[in-house]
């Protein structure tokens, strides 16, 4: 398999050949990810972002920016950023520390990595692009020997929070981490006035987390600027869903031979 070395060099993976994984490692390529983030977060979701068409913050300089391009057009259609434990020390902490008390993360044994600012273009949310992005995330975690992956999965509050609370009930029933792995949100989600008539679907990013085997670590943070509830998700890599290990990495174990690495 072709190794991911820079944003111009593709990874040959089991994903659909239409999509190409890479790293944005030039000023221009990173700016393209920031423009896509602004387009989705501010333009589509109405987030309050201070920026002239770009979503930029302090952590960008310390992250690796994973990208997915449409090989038919060259268009950037998905991105996320990876903040390793080593780089987080240089950055002054993890991004999620602005929303949650992360004392639990400090107590975890082994190496940890945070993902954040994940977004997918509206025309490519049917599944394949998201799967490709997660293929790159999972491969990077495995091949660089990280023990835990964590990040926030957002639930929109456009309906006043009724769907969010219904989704949270689903998480509490099937996908909640043990109490010792809970984090405390600095701003809790207020109660909703009503409940949805139909059972709401999990948002794509949240669905991807639970499919991999991740667990929700307690109650969400109420992000007023983004009008969403952020659920803190934690994946113990040793508990990565075997089906996804086979699908993403082409092997039956999560700590296999480096000869089959994709990153």
C-alpha atoms as a PDB file:
ATOM      1  CA  UNK A   1       0.000   0.000   0.000  1.00  0.00           C
ATOM      2  CA  UNK A   2       1.167   3.536  -0.746  1.00  0.00           C
ATOM      3  CA  UNK A   3       2.277   5.422   2.336  1.00  0.00           C
ATOM      4  CA  UNK A   4       0.766   8.803   3.199  1.00  0.00           C
ATOM      5  CA  UNK A   5       3.720  11.188   3.148  1.00  0.00           C
ATOM      6  CA  UNK A   6       2.307  14.528   2.031  1.00  0.00           C
ATOM      7  CA  UNK A   7      -0.849  16.119   0.718  1.00  0.00           C
ATOM      8  CA  UNK A   8       0.109  15.331  -2.874  1.00  0.00           C
ATOM      9  CA  UNK A   9       0.764  11.638  -2.382  1.00  0.00           C
ATOM     10  CA  UNK A  10      -2.298   9.366  -2.123  1.00  0.00           C
ATOM     11  CA  UNK A  11      -2.952   6.351   0.035  1.00  0.00           C
ATOM     12  CA  UNK A  12      -3.972   3.216  -1.808  1.00  0.00           C
ATOM     13  CA  UNK A  13      -6.704   1.874   0.462  1.00  0.00           C
ATOM     14  CA  UNK A  14      -9.764  -0.326   0.233  1.00  0.00           C
ATOM     15  CA  UNK A  15     -11.980   2.761  -0.053  1.00  0.00           C
ATOM     16  CA  UNK A  16     -13.691   3.741  -3.280  1.00  0.00           C
ATOM     17  CA  UNK A  17     -11.056   4.950  -5.797  1.00  0.00           C
ATOM     18  CA  UNK A  18     -12.960   8.189  -6.268  1.00  0.00           C
ATOM     19  CA  UNK A  19     -11.619   9.494  -2.933  1.00  0.00           C
ATOM     20  CA  UNK A  20      -8.012  10.257  -2.031  1.00  0.00           C
ATOM     21  CA  UNK A  21      -6.658  10.592   1.495  1.00  0.00           C
ATOM     22  CA  UNK A  22      -3.773  12.894   2.257  1.00  0.00           C
ATOM     23  CA  UNK A  23      -2.283  15.410   4.670  1.00  0.00           C
ATOM     24  CA  UNK A  24      -2.508  19.145   4.092  1.00  0.00           C
ATOM     25  CA  UNK A  25       1.053  20.213   4.806  1.00  0.00           C
ATOM     26  CA  UNK A  26       1.403  23.508   2.949  1.00  0.00           C
ATOM     27  CA  UNK A  27       0.011  26.907   3.861  1.00  0.00           C
ATOM     28  CA  UNK A  28      -2.315  26.791   0.865  1.00  0.00           C
ATOM     29  CA  UNK A  29      -3.573  23.265   1.599  1.00  0.00           C
ATOM     30  CA  UNK A  30      -4.224  24.041   5.276  1.00  0.00           C
ATOM     31  CA  UNK A  31      -6.051  27.224   4.310  1.00  0.00           C
ATOM     32  CA  UNK A  32      -8.299  25.150   2.041  1.00  0.00           C
ATOM     33  CA  UNK A  33      -9.323  23.042   5.061  1.00  0.00           C
ATOM     34  CA  UNK A  34     -10.024  26.210   7.055  1.00  0.00           C
ATOM     35  CA  UNK A  35     -12.187  27.545   4.225  1.00  0.00           C
ATOM     36  CA  UNK A  36     -14.170  24.291   4.073  1.00  0.00           C
ATOM     37  CA  UNK A  37     -14.673  24.415   7.827  1.00  0.00           C
ATOM     38  CA  UNK A  38     -15.949  27.987   7.628  1.00  0.00           C
ATOM     39  CA  UNK A  39     -18.236  27.120   4.722  1.00  0.00           C
ATOM     40  CA  UNK A  40     -19.870  24.348   6.733  1.00  0.00           C
ATOM     41  CA  UNK A  41     -19.733  25.637  10.300  1.00  0.00           C
ATOM     42  CA  UNK A  42     -20.576  29.296   9.644  1.00  0.00           C
ATOM     43  CA  UNK A  43     -22.271  29.278   6.245  1.00  0.00           C
ATOM     44  CA  UNK A  44     -24.309  26.099   6.646  1.00  0.00           C
ATOM     45  CA  UNK A  45     -24.762  25.672  10.391  1.00  0.00           C
ATOM     46  CA  UNK A  46     -24.770  29.331  11.393  1.00  0.00           C
ATOM     47  CA  UNK A  47     -21.884  29.143  13.852  1.00  0.00           C
ATOM     48  CA  UNK A  48     -20.560  32.444  15.186  1.00  0.00           C
ATOM     49  CA  UNK A  49     -16.979  32.438  13.868  1.00  0.00           C
ATOM     50  CA  UNK A  50     -14.663  35.443  13.763  1.00  0.00           C
ATOM     51  CA  UNK A  51     -12.961  35.067  10.397  1.00  0.00           C
ATOM     52  CA  UNK A  52     -13.045  36.373   6.862  1.00  0.00           C
ATOM     53  CA  UNK A  53     -14.171  33.171   5.190  1.00  0.00           C
ATOM     54  CA  UNK A  54     -11.831  30.929   7.182  1.00  0.00           C
ATOM     55  CA  UNK A  55     -12.154  29.031  10.468  1.00  0.00           C
ATOM     56  CA  UNK A  56      -8.809  29.435  12.226  1.00  0.00           C
ATOM     57  CA  UNK A  57      -7.729  28.944  15.809  1.00  0.00           C
ATOM     58  CA  UNK A  58      -4.606  28.548  17.931  1.00  0.00           C
ATOM     59  CA  UNK A  59      -4.542  24.752  17.589  1.00  0.00           C
ATOM     60  CA  UNK A  60      -4.258  24.631  13.793  1.00  0.00           C
ATOM     61  CA  UNK A  61      -0.510  25.208  13.931  1.00  0.00           C
ATOM     62  CA  UNK A  62      -0.013  22.125  16.126  1.00  0.00           C
ATOM     63  CA  UNK A  63      -2.292  19.679  14.285  1.00  0.00           C
ATOM     64  CA  UNK A  64      -1.944  17.360  11.347  1.00  0.00           C
ATOM     65  CA  UNK A  65      -4.728  18.106   8.875  1.00  0.00           C
ATOM     66  CA  UNK A  66      -6.158  14.961   7.297  1.00  0.00           C
ATOM     67  CA  UNK A  67      -7.998  15.514   4.021  1.00  0.00           C
ATOM     68  CA  UNK A  68     -10.188  13.709   1.516  1.00  0.00           C
ATOM     69  CA  UNK A  69     -10.303  14.900  -2.106  1.00  0.00           C
ATOM     70  CA  UNK A  70     -12.628  13.937  -4.918  1.00  0.00           C
ATOM     71  CA  UNK A  71     -10.290  12.530  -7.561  1.00  0.00           C
ATOM     72  CA  UNK A  72     -12.793  13.338 -10.326  1.00  0.00           C
ATOM     73  CA  UNK A  73     -12.644  17.079  -9.661  1.00  0.00           C
ATOM     74  CA  UNK A  74      -9.744  17.630  -7.253  1.00  0.00           C
ATOM     75  CA  UNK A  75     -12.195  19.194  -4.800  1.00  0.00           C
ATOM     76  CA  UNK A  76     -11.513  19.037  -1.070  1.00  0.00           C
ATOM     77  CA  UNK A  77     -14.615  17.366   0.315  1.00  0.00           C
ATOM     78  CA  UNK A  78     -13.718  16.391   3.903  1.00  0.00           C
ATOM     79  CA  UNK A  79     -11.151  17.141   6.550  1.00  0.00           C
ATOM     80  CA  UNK A  80     -10.312  16.707  10.194  1.00  0.00           C
ATOM     81  CA  UNK A  81      -7.370  17.581  12.352  1.00  0.00           C
ATOM     82  CA  UNK A  82      -5.294  15.322  14.572  1.00  0.00           C
ATOM     83  CA  UNK A  83      -3.713  16.647  17.770  1.00  0.00           C
ATOM     84  CA  UNK A  84      -1.288  14.208  19.363  1.00  0.00           C
ATOM     85  CA  UNK A  85      -0.433  14.158  23.055  1.00  0.00           C
ATOM     86  CA  UNK A  86       3.077  15.463  22.302  1.00  0.00           C
ATOM     87  CA  UNK A  87       1.795  18.377  20.226  1.00  0.00           C
ATOM     88  CA  UNK A  88      -0.919  19.136  22.776  1.00  0.00           C
ATOM     89  CA  UNK A  89       1.790  19.815  25.334  1.00  0.00           C
ATOM     90  CA  UNK A  90       3.300  22.382  22.976  1.00  0.00           C
ATOM     91  CA  UNK A  91      -0.139  23.862  22.244  1.00  0.00           C
ATOM     92  CA  UNK A  92      -0.947  24.286  25.931  1.00  0.00           C
ATOM     93  CA  UNK A  93      -3.491  21.471  26.069  1.00  0.00           C
ATOM     94  CA  UNK A  94      -6.216  19.844  24.013  1.00  0.00           C
ATOM     95  CA  UNK A  95      -8.979  21.764  22.256  1.00  0.00           C
ATOM     96  CA  UNK A  96     -11.646  19.838  24.211  1.00  0.00           C
ATOM     97  CA  UNK A  97     -10.244  21.230  27.462  1.00  0.00           C
ATOM     98  CA  UNK A  98     -12.127  24.427  26.672  1.00  0.00           C
ATOM     99  CA  UNK A  99     -15.408  22.538  27.015  1.00  0.00           C
ATOM    100  CA  UNK A 100     -14.698  19.729  29.489  1.00  0.00           C
ATOM    101  CA  UNK A 101     -12.650  18.998  32.570  1.00  0.00           C
ATOM    102  CA  UNK A 102     -10.193  16.491  31.080  1.00  0.00           C
ATOM    103  CA  UNK A 103      -8.684  15.149  34.296  1.00  0.00           C
ATOM    104  CA  UNK A 104      -9.815  11.678  33.201  1.00  0.00           C
ATOM    105  CA  UNK A 105      -7.721  11.898  30.025  1.00  0.00           C
ATOM    106  CA  UNK A 106      -4.615  12.683  32.075  1.00  0.00           C
ATOM    107  CA  UNK A 107      -5.154   9.472  34.041  1.00  0.00           C
ATOM    108  CA  UNK A 108      -5.376   7.172  31.006  1.00  0.00           C
ATOM    109  CA  UNK A 109      -2.449   4.791  30.511  1.00  0.00           C
ATOM    110  CA  UNK A 110      -0.661   5.106  27.188  1.00  0.00           C
ATOM    111  CA  UNK A 111      -0.676   7.578  24.332  1.00  0.00           C
ATOM    112  CA  UNK A 112      -3.741   9.639  23.432  1.00  0.00           C
ATOM    113  CA  UNK A 113      -4.787  11.646  20.374  1.00  0.00           C
ATOM    114  CA  UNK A 114      -7.615  14.119  19.799  1.00  0.00           C
ATOM    115  CA  UNK A 115      -9.547  14.654  16.584  1.00  0.00           C
ATOM    116  CA  UNK A 116     -11.543  17.785  15.954  1.00  0.00           C
ATOM    117  CA  UNK A 117     -13.071  20.253  13.506  1.00  0.00           C
ATOM    118  CA  UNK A 118     -14.262  17.312  11.407  1.00  0.00           C
ATOM    119  CA  UNK A 119     -16.426  18.303   8.468  1.00  0.00           C
ATOM    120  CA  UNK A 120     -17.727  16.808   5.220  1.00  0.00           C
ATOM    121  CA  UNK A 121     -19.117  18.746   2.260  1.00  0.00           C
ATOM    122  CA  UNK A 122     -22.909  18.552   2.036  1.00  0.00           C
ATOM    123  CA  UNK A 123     -22.775  16.794  -1.341  1.00  0.00           C
ATOM    124  CA  UNK A 124     -20.689  13.913   0.071  1.00  0.00           C
ATOM    125  CA  UNK A 125     -22.408  12.854   3.293  1.00  0.00           C
ATOM    126  CA  UNK A 126     -23.895   9.628   1.976  1.00  0.00           C
ATOM    127  CA  UNK A 127     -21.243   7.511   3.686  1.00  0.00           C
ATOM    128  CA  UNK A 128     -18.270   6.776   1.425  1.00  0.00           C
ATOM    129  CA  UNK A 129     -16.445  10.046   2.077  1.00  0.00           C
ATOM    130  CA  UNK A 130     -16.947   9.748   5.838  1.00  0.00           C
ATOM    131  CA  UNK A 131     -15.741   6.142   5.743  1.00  0.00           C
ATOM    132  CA  UNK A 132     -12.645   7.214   3.830  1.00  0.00           C
ATOM    133  CA  UNK A 133     -11.861   9.908   6.384  1.00  0.00           C
ATOM    134  CA  UNK A 134     -12.240   7.437   9.244  1.00  0.00           C
ATOM    135  CA  UNK A 135     -10.040   4.971   7.394  1.00  0.00           C
ATOM    136  CA  UNK A 136      -7.250   7.512   7.554  1.00  0.00           C
ATOM    137  CA  UNK A 137      -7.896   8.341  11.206  1.00  0.00           C
ATOM    138  CA  UNK A 138      -7.983   4.701  12.278  1.00  0.00           C
ATOM    139  CA  UNK A 139      -4.890   3.847  10.298  1.00  0.00           C
ATOM    140  CA  UNK A 140      -2.925   6.767  11.762  1.00  0.00           C
ATOM    141  CA  UNK A 141      -3.905   5.803  15.298  1.00  0.00           C
ATOM    142  CA  UNK A 142      -2.950   2.162  14.825  1.00  0.00           C
ATOM    143  CA  UNK A 143       0.282   2.619  12.922  1.00  0.00           C
ATOM    144  CA  UNK A 144       1.590   5.308  15.292  1.00  0.00           C
ATOM    145  CA  UNK A 145       0.725   3.260  18.397  1.00  0.00           C
ATOM    146  CA  UNK A 146      -1.859   5.487  20.036  1.00  0.00           C
ATOM    147  CA  UNK A 147      -3.849   3.798  22.767  1.00  0.00           C
ATOM    148  CA  UNK A 148      -6.832   6.145  22.912  1.00  0.00           C
ATOM    149  CA  UNK A 149      -8.620   8.409  20.462  1.00  0.00           C
ATOM    150  CA  UNK A 150     -11.050  11.071  21.634  1.00  0.00           C
ATOM    151  CA  UNK A 151     -13.008  14.022  20.353  1.00  0.00           C
ATOM    152  CA  UNK A 152     -16.396  15.717  20.340  1.00  0.00           C
ATOM    153  CA  UNK A 153     -19.314  14.643  18.174  1.00  0.00           C
ATOM    154  CA  UNK A 154     -21.887  17.393  17.761  1.00  0.00           C
ATOM    155  CA  UNK A 155     -25.675  17.148  17.784  1.00  0.00           C
ATOM    156  CA  UNK A 156     -27.530  20.112  16.295  1.00  0.00           C
ATOM    157  CA  UNK A 157     -30.068  22.028  18.366  1.00  0.00           C
ATOM    158  CA  UNK A 158     -32.138  23.456  15.530  1.00  0.00           C
ATOM    159  CA  UNK A 159     -35.316  21.960  17.003  1.00  0.00           C
ATOM    160  CA  UNK A 160     -34.682  23.374  20.436  1.00  0.00           C
ATOM    161  CA  UNK A 161     -32.814  20.325  21.697  1.00  0.00           C
ATOM    162  CA  UNK A 162     -35.573  17.717  21.545  1.00  0.00           C
ATOM    163  CA  UNK A 163     -33.704  15.461  19.097  1.00  0.00           C
ATOM    164  CA  UNK A 164     -30.462  15.928  21.014  1.00  0.00           C
ATOM    165  CA  UNK A 165     -32.029  14.710  24.258  1.00  0.00           C
ATOM    166  CA  UNK A 166     -33.568  11.718  22.468  1.00  0.00           C
ATOM    167  CA  UNK A 167     -30.155  10.826  20.999  1.00  0.00           C
ATOM    168  CA  UNK A 168     -28.564  11.206  24.420  1.00  0.00           C
ATOM    169  CA  UNK A 169     -31.042   8.682  25.788  1.00  0.00           C
ATOM    170  CA  UNK A 170     -29.859   6.232  23.108  1.00  0.00           C
ATOM    171  CA  UNK A 171     -26.244   6.826  24.126  1.00  0.00           C
ATOM    172  CA  UNK A 172     -27.005   6.281  27.806  1.00  0.00           C
ATOM    173  CA  UNK A 173     -28.695   3.002  26.989  1.00  0.00           C
ATOM    174  CA  UNK A 174     -26.042   1.435  24.760  1.00  0.00           C
ATOM    175  CA  UNK A 175     -22.909   3.530  24.318  1.00  0.00           C
ATOM    176  CA  UNK A 176     -21.987   5.084  27.661  1.00  0.00           C
ATOM    177  CA  UNK A 177     -18.498   4.729  29.145  1.00  0.00           C
ATOM    178  CA  UNK A 178     -18.078   3.641  32.777  1.00  0.00           C
ATOM    179  CA  UNK A 179     -18.266   6.377  35.393  1.00  0.00           C
ATOM    180  CA  UNK A 180     -14.491   6.459  35.879  1.00  0.00           C
ATOM    181  CA  UNK A 181     -14.119   7.608  32.252  1.00  0.00           C
ATOM    182  CA  UNK A 182     -16.599  10.471  32.429  1.00  0.00           C
ATOM    183  CA  UNK A 183     -15.653  14.098  31.858  1.00  0.00           C
ATOM    184  CA  UNK A 184     -17.500  17.116  33.222  1.00  0.00           C
ATOM    185  CA  UNK A 185     -18.877  19.717  30.788  1.00  0.00           C
ATOM    186  CA  UNK A 186     -18.342  23.351  31.777  1.00  0.00           C
ATOM    187  CA  UNK A 187     -21.752  24.276  30.338  1.00  0.00           C
ATOM    188  CA  UNK A 188     -24.497  21.684  30.550  1.00  0.00           C
ATOM    189  CA  UNK A 189     -27.267  21.242  28.007  1.00  0.00           C
ATOM    190  CA  UNK A 190     -30.606  22.703  29.145  1.00  0.00           C
ATOM    191  CA  UNK A 191     -33.746  20.608  29.093  1.00  0.00           C
ATOM    192  CA  UNK A 192     -35.940  20.630  25.989  1.00  0.00           C
ATOM    193  CA  UNK A 193     -39.621  21.523  26.021  1.00  0.00           C
ATOM    194  CA  UNK A 194     -40.650  18.555  23.881  1.00  0.00           C
ATOM    195  CA  UNK A 195     -39.545  15.213  22.472  1.00  0.00           C
ATOM    196  CA  UNK A 196     -39.413  14.347  18.758  1.00  0.00           C
ATOM    197  CA  UNK A 197     -42.273  12.314  17.332  1.00  0.00           C
ATOM    198  CA  UNK A 198     -39.920   9.870  15.607  1.00  0.00           C
ATOM    199  CA  UNK A 199     -36.715   8.307  16.867  1.00  0.00           C
ATOM    200  CA  UNK A 200     -33.905  10.555  15.551  1.00  0.00           C
ATOM    201  CA  UNK A 201     -30.919   9.152  13.713  1.00  0.00           C
ATOM    202  CA  UNK A 202     -27.426   9.512  15.090  1.00  0.00           C
ATOM    203  CA  UNK A 203     -25.480  12.269  13.299  1.00  0.00           C
ATOM    204  CA  UNK A 204     -22.869  10.798  10.883  1.00  0.00           C
ATOM    205  CA  UNK A 205     -19.815  11.584  13.010  1.00  0.00           C
ATOM    206  CA  UNK A 206     -21.425  10.251  16.175  1.00  0.00           C
ATOM    207  CA  UNK A 207     -22.570   7.138  14.305  1.00  0.00           C
ATOM    208  CA  UNK A 208     -19.009   6.586  13.075  1.00  0.00           C
ATOM    209  CA  UNK A 209     -17.652   6.855  16.621  1.00  0.00           C
ATOM    210  CA  UNK A 210     -20.007   4.249  18.053  1.00  0.00           C
ATOM    211  CA  UNK A 211     -19.510   1.964  15.049  1.00  0.00           C
ATOM    212  CA  UNK A 212     -15.777   1.953  15.779  1.00  0.00           C
ATOM    213  CA  UNK A 213     -16.469   1.023  19.392  1.00  0.00           C
ATOM    214  CA  UNK A 214     -16.169   4.448  21.070  1.00  0.00           C
ATOM    215  CA  UNK A 215     -18.147   5.373  24.169  1.00  0.00           C
ATOM    216  CA  UNK A 216     -19.774   8.600  25.321  1.00  0.00           C
ATOM    217  CA  UNK A 217     -18.086   9.988  28.420  1.00  0.00           C
ATOM    218  CA  UNK A 218     -20.980  11.548  30.271  1.00  0.00           C
ATOM    219  CA  UNK A 219     -23.202  14.541  29.606  1.00  0.00           C
ATOM    220  CA  UNK A 220     -22.626  16.907  26.660  1.00  0.00           C
ATOM    221  CA  UNK A 221     -21.330  20.455  26.504  1.00  0.00           C
ATOM    222  CA  UNK A 222     -23.699  23.156  25.300  1.00  0.00           C
ATOM    223  CA  UNK A 223     -21.840  25.027  22.553  1.00  0.00           C
ATOM    224  CA  UNK A 224     -23.858  28.206  22.107  1.00  0.00           C
ATOM    225  CA  UNK A 225     -21.666  29.603  19.308  1.00  0.00           C
ATOM    226  CA  UNK A 226     -22.216  26.492  17.186  1.00  0.00           C
ATOM    227  CA  UNK A 227     -25.783  25.870  18.459  1.00  0.00           C
ATOM    228  CA  UNK A 228     -25.030  22.233  19.219  1.00  0.00           C
ATOM    229  CA  UNK A 229     -24.480  19.717  21.990  1.00  0.00           C
ATOM    230  CA  UNK A 230     -20.936  18.327  21.995  1.00  0.00           C
ATOM    231  CA  UNK A 231     -20.693  14.735  23.184  1.00  0.00           C
ATOM    232  CA  UNK A 232     -17.233  13.709  24.364  1.00  0.00           C
ATOM    233  CA  UNK A 233     -16.360  10.352  22.784  1.00  0.00           C
ATOM    234  CA  UNK A 234     -13.495   8.049  23.759  1.00  0.00           C
ATOM    235  CA  UNK A 235     -12.178   5.066  21.823  1.00  0.00           C
ATOM    236  CA  UNK A 236      -9.925   2.518  23.513  1.00  0.00           C
ATOM    237  CA  UNK A 237      -7.950   1.304  20.494  1.00  0.00           C
ATOM    238  CA  UNK A 238      -7.646  -2.172  22.005  1.00  0.00           C
ATOM    239  CA  UNK A 239     -11.440  -2.349  21.746  1.00  0.00           C
ATOM    240  CA  UNK A 240     -11.663  -1.187  18.127  1.00  0.00           C
ATOM    241  CA  UNK A 241     -14.548  -3.005  16.462  1.00  0.00           C
ATOM    242  CA  UNK A 242     -12.920  -5.998  14.674  1.00  0.00           C
ATOM    243  CA  UNK A 243     -15.125  -5.518  11.629  1.00  0.00           C
ATOM    244  CA  UNK A 244     -13.759  -2.017  11.193  1.00  0.00           C
ATOM    245  CA  UNK A 245     -10.200  -3.177  11.743  1.00  0.00           C
ATOM    246  CA  UNK A 246     -10.673  -5.596   8.851  1.00  0.00           C
ATOM    247  CA  UNK A 247     -12.460  -3.054   6.667  1.00  0.00           C
ATOM    248  CA  UNK A 248     -10.151  -0.112   7.302  1.00  0.00           C
ATOM    249  CA  UNK A 249      -6.817  -1.837   7.772  1.00  0.00           C
ATOM    250  CA  UNK A 250      -7.151  -5.126   5.928  1.00  0.00           C
ATOM    251  CA  UNK A 251      -6.299  -7.319   8.895  1.00  0.00           C
ATOM    252  CA  UNK A 252      -7.912  -9.136  11.817  1.00  0.00           C
ATOM    253  CA  UNK A 253      -6.012  -7.486  14.681  1.00  0.00           C
ATOM    254  CA  UNK A 254      -5.471  -3.866  15.659  1.00  0.00           C
ATOM    255  CA  UNK A 255      -1.754  -4.102  16.353  1.00  0.00           C
ATOM    256  CA  UNK A 256      -0.624  -6.090  13.348  1.00  0.00           C
ATOM    257  CA  UNK A 257       2.449  -6.017  11.180  1.00  0.00           C
ATOM    258  CA  UNK A 258       3.716  -2.638  10.010  1.00  0.00           C
ATOM    259  CA  UNK A 259       4.197  -4.164   6.570  1.00  0.00           C
ATOM    260  CA  UNK A 260       0.493  -3.517   5.941  1.00  0.00           C
ATOM    261  CA  UNK A 261       0.569   0.095   7.141  1.00  0.00           C
ATOM    262  CA  UNK A 262      -1.254   2.718   5.163  1.00  0.00           C
ATOM    263  CA  UNK A 263       0.238   5.707   6.969  1.00  0.00           C
END
